[in-house]
Amino acid sequence: MTTPVTIIGAGLGGLTLARVLHVHGIPVTVYEGEPSPSARAQGGMLDIHDYNGQPALEAAGLMDEFHALVLAGRQAMRVLDRDGNVLLDTPDDGTGTRPEVQRGELRRILLESLPAGTVRWGQKANGVRALGDGRHEVSFADGSTVTTTLLVGADGAWSRVRPLLSTATPRYTGMSFVETYLFEGETRHPAAAKAVGGGSMLALAPGKGIQAHHESGGTLHTYVALSKPRDWFAAVDFTDAAAATARIAREFDGWAPELTALITDSDTVPVLRPLYTLPVGHRWDRVPGVTLVGDAAHLAAPNGEGANLAMLDGAELGEALAAPPDDTETALAQYERAMFPRSAEAATDGDGLYEFMFGDAAPHSLIDMFTGSEGPR
């Protein structure tokens, strides 16, 4: 295939696609609304799985660079109750089946693997229209436009490309995360660091939880989960850090202080992260010249699979486009046939995982899942 590919969005899925296309000599341009690679924090840790994320990086020819990013010991996982008692403590087994890396560092190696100028920064797409014969025009916030014969939406939950294919829109799941950071945990927040341990920690109860990760540099990165309507969070003033963390922490009155400290002692302003999903099994009929990868195609609540699936989407789409025969529509159809059931299965498993984590029997339901009951992988 020699037709240039236009990708909207420089997240992990779009960049993996761009890299695999580059490996195969296919011209590609990525348009990204952020003004630079460092314009926004890229999130925390990702466990990159040996059945989806790692094969994607293999296709991208970046396994050596990936292994250099892995943080030893971070596969360790523990589950606590509200009193801080350790109910389950699983060490890092060193197998490398789900090694942990920083999302920002993973994005960096993908960006560095592309020729200069592949990513056009500060190009925020604000509209897309079909021109016929598989051609599409993308308009940007600065008034510029680009016309393409192959358009890929890698532009996340609120994709501007998705309406070309589907009328589906994200819906609120009924749960939001509140993100906090404690820096230099071992020295400045030793009790909280001890509770989190060397990897990830889940302190759970029905409808709520405190989830933390021990990141590089001793950072304790926390996502506080609460099942509340959007209106409840709208009443919290997140511009007032002290007031916001105090309000969120009140939902955990009576919990162990080393756990609530992950909220109240935050070194950053807490950030609200409402969770949205597309319908499980979201799919569309083949539309010439356009497709989606990652959250644009199959947005789901965070379940450990999203980044992995996005990268696998990008890798498989890139390889399909590079394979003979030189037929774009055949390649897009092949990619979508594999992607639709894979993403539906992951979303279904994720819904089950959330029931184990935040349902009426939490945290013991999650422990039962890990220790032998059948559930999502």
Foldseek 3Di string as FASTA:
>chain_A
DAFEEEEEALALLRLLLVLLLVVLVHHYAYEYQAQDLPRDAPDFKAFAAPPFQVVLVVSSVCPVVVVVFFDPWQVWEFEAELALDTPDTRTDPPPSRGTMGTRSSSSVVSVVSDDPRRYDYNFAWDAKDDPDPQKIKTAGPVGDIDIGSAYEYAPAQQTRQLVVFDPWHWDFPQKKWKKFKDAPCVPPPVLLDVSQPAHKYWHFAAQWIWIWGQGPRRMIIIITMGRHDPVVVVPADLVPQQRNLVVSLVVSPPGHPSRSCRRNVGPDRIDMGTAIWTDQLDDGDDDGRYYYAFNSGTRAGDDSCRSSRSSSLSSQLSVLCSDDDNDNSVSVVVSRVVSRVVSNVVRVLSVQQVCCGRNNPPPVSVVCCVPDDPGRD
